Amino acid sequence: MITTQDWPAEWLRGVLELCVLRVLADGPTYGYQISARLASGGLGTVKGGTLYPLLKRFEEGGRVQTEWLPGDGGPGRKYYTLTDHGREVLAERSAQWRAFTQMTETMLEHAPQKEQT
């Protein structure tokens, strides 16, 4: 049986941006909550050293807006909200991902025949 720990690291790096954008599409949230959603979705643990630089790039690229809000009885949290540009990127990349995975599935199921010379 395959577990989340069995995914090759390069696959996870390849899908992380898209999956984080998808989590953010559900509404404003903070880093720990994003990481928890990714884990519960089957991607395994995404460490802060991976997640927060990605969120910073999203902010710099106009894909998210940020806001500090007080915590429930604790320190404040930085909330991330997907922008219109972020939604456009999510839609575009989702379509690309679906096409890519469909092509990959076709390739795996029906590998092209070796050309004869």
Protein backbone atom coordinates (compact mmCIF):
# COMPACT_ATOMS: atom_id res chain seq x y z
CA MET A 1 0.00 0.00 0.00
CA ILE A 2 1.30 3.48 -0.88
CA THR A 3 1.42 6.04 1.93
CA THR A 4 2.07 9.77 1.77
CA GLN A 5 5.64 9.10 2.83
CA ASP A 6 6.17 7.14 -0.38
CA TRP A 7 5.68 10.08 -2.76
CA PRO A 8 8.94 11.07 -4.42
CA ALA A 9 10.10 14.48 -3.18
CA GLU A 10 10.33 15.89 -6.70
CA TRP A 11 6.64 15.09 -7.27
CA LEU A 12 5.68 16.93 -4.11
CA ARG A 13 7.76 19.96 -5.12
CA GLY A 14 6.01 19.88 -8.49
CA VAL A 15 2.48 20.00 -7.08
CA LEU A 16 3.00 22.09 -3.95
CA GLU A 17 2.31 25.50 -5.52
CA LEU A 18 -0.90 24.29 -7.12
CA CYS A 19 -2.11 22.58 -3.95
CA VAL A 20 -1.39 25.62 -1.77
CA LEU A 21 -3.27 27.86 -4.22
CA ARG A 22 -6.19 25.41 -4.05
CA VAL A 23 -6.24 25.51 -0.24
CA LEU A 24 -6.19 29.32 -0.35
CA ALA A 25 -9.16 29.31 -2.76
CA ASP A 26 -11.34 28.18 0.16
CA GLY A 27 -10.79 31.46 1.99
CA PRO A 28 -8.32 33.32 4.20
CA THR A 29 -6.12 31.07 6.27
CA TYR A 30 -2.74 30.96 8.02
CA GLY A 31 0.39 28.86 7.54
CA TYR A 32 -0.22 26.12 10.09
CA GLN A 33 -3.74 25.60 8.79
CA ILE A 34 -2.46 25.40 5.19
CA SER A 35 0.09 22.78 6.23
CA ALA A 36 -2.59 20.79 8.07
CA ARG A 37 -4.88 20.83 5.02
CA LEU A 38 -2.05 19.63 2.78
CA ALA A 39 -1.30 16.80 5.21
CA SER A 40 -4.94 15.76 5.50
CA GLY A 41 -5.18 15.84 1.71
CA GLY A 42 -2.46 13.20 1.48
CA LEU A 43 0.66 15.24 0.72
CA GLY A 44 2.30 14.55 4.05
CA THR A 45 3.99 17.10 6.28
CA VAL A 46 5.07 20.32 4.58
CA LYS A 47 7.58 22.08 6.80
CA GLY A 48 7.58 25.82 7.41
CA GLY A 49 10.95 26.15 5.70
CA THR A 50 9.25 25.03 2.50
CA LEU A 51 5.81 26.60 2.94
CA TYR A 52 6.64 30.13 4.10
CA PRO A 53 9.11 30.97 1.31
CA LEU A 54 6.45 29.81 -1.17
CA LEU A 55 3.83 32.04 0.48
CA LYS A 56 6.31 34.94 0.36
CA ARG A 57 6.77 34.38 -3.39
CA PHE A 58 2.99 34.33 -3.78
CA GLU A 59 2.78 37.64 -1.94
CA GLU A 60 5.56 39.21 -4.02
CA GLY A 61 3.91 37.93 -7.20
CA GLY A 62 0.50 39.36 -6.31
CA ARG A 63 -1.15 35.97 -5.87
CA VAL A 64 -2.02 36.56 -2.22
CA GLN A 65 -2.66 39.44 0.14
CA THR A 66 -1.68 39.18 3.77
CA GLU A 67 -3.13 40.52 6.99
CA TRP A 68 -2.13 40.08 10.62
CA LEU A 69 -5.09 39.18 12.84
CA PRO A 70 -5.16 38.55 16.59
CA GLY A 71 -5.05 34.92 17.65
CA ASP A 72 -7.62 33.24 19.87
CA GLY A 73 -5.97 33.89 23.23
CA GLY A 74 -2.49 33.71 21.71
CA PRO A 75 -0.22 35.60 19.37
CA GLY A 76 -1.49 37.07 16.13
CA ARG A 77 -1.41 35.15 12.90
CA LYS A 78 -0.58 36.18 9.37
CA TYR A 79 -3.54 35.30 7.18
CA TYR A 80 -3.19 34.74 3.45
CA THR A 81 -6.00 35.55 1.02
CA LEU A 82 -5.99 34.59 -2.63
CA THR A 83 -6.20 37.59 -4.97
CA ASP A 84 -7.97 37.72 -8.32
CA HIS A 85 -4.59 37.17 -9.96
CA GLY A 86 -4.03 34.15 -7.70
CA ARG A 87 -7.41 32.73 -8.77
CA GLU A 88 -6.45 33.20 -12.43
CA VAL A 89 -3.15 31.40 -11.86
CA LEU A 90 -4.97 28.60 -10.03
CA ALA A 91 -7.43 28.14 -12.91
CA GLU A 92 -4.68 28.20 -15.54
CA ARG A 93 -2.36 25.85 -13.68
CA SER A 94 -5.22 23.48 -12.80
CA ALA A 95 -6.08 23.14 -16.49
CA GLN A 96 -2.43 22.58 -17.33
CA TRP A 97 -2.10 19.98 -14.57
CA ARG A 98 -5.17 18.08 -15.77
CA ALA A 99 -3.80 17.99 -19.33
CA PHE A 100 -0.38 16.92 -18.07
CA THR A 101 -1.72 14.12 -15.86
CA GLN A 102 -4.00 12.91 -18.65
CA MET A 103 -1.03 12.79 -21.03
CA THR A 104 1.03 10.97 -18.40
CA GLU A 105 -1.73 8.44 -17.79
CA THR A 106 -2.04 7.83 -21.53
CA MET A 107 1.71 7.42 -21.78
CA LEU A 108 1.79 4.91 -18.94
CA GLU A 109 -1.13 2.90 -20.26
CA HIS A 110 -0.19 3.02 -23.93
CA ALA A 111 3.51 3.65 -24.26
CA PRO A 112 4.42 4.71 -27.79
CA GLN A 113 5.92 1.99 -29.90
CA LYS A 114 9.58 2.23 -30.65
CA GLU A 115 10.12 3.59 -34.15
CA GLN A 116 11.49 1.06 -36.57
CA THR A 117 14.36 2.05 -38.81
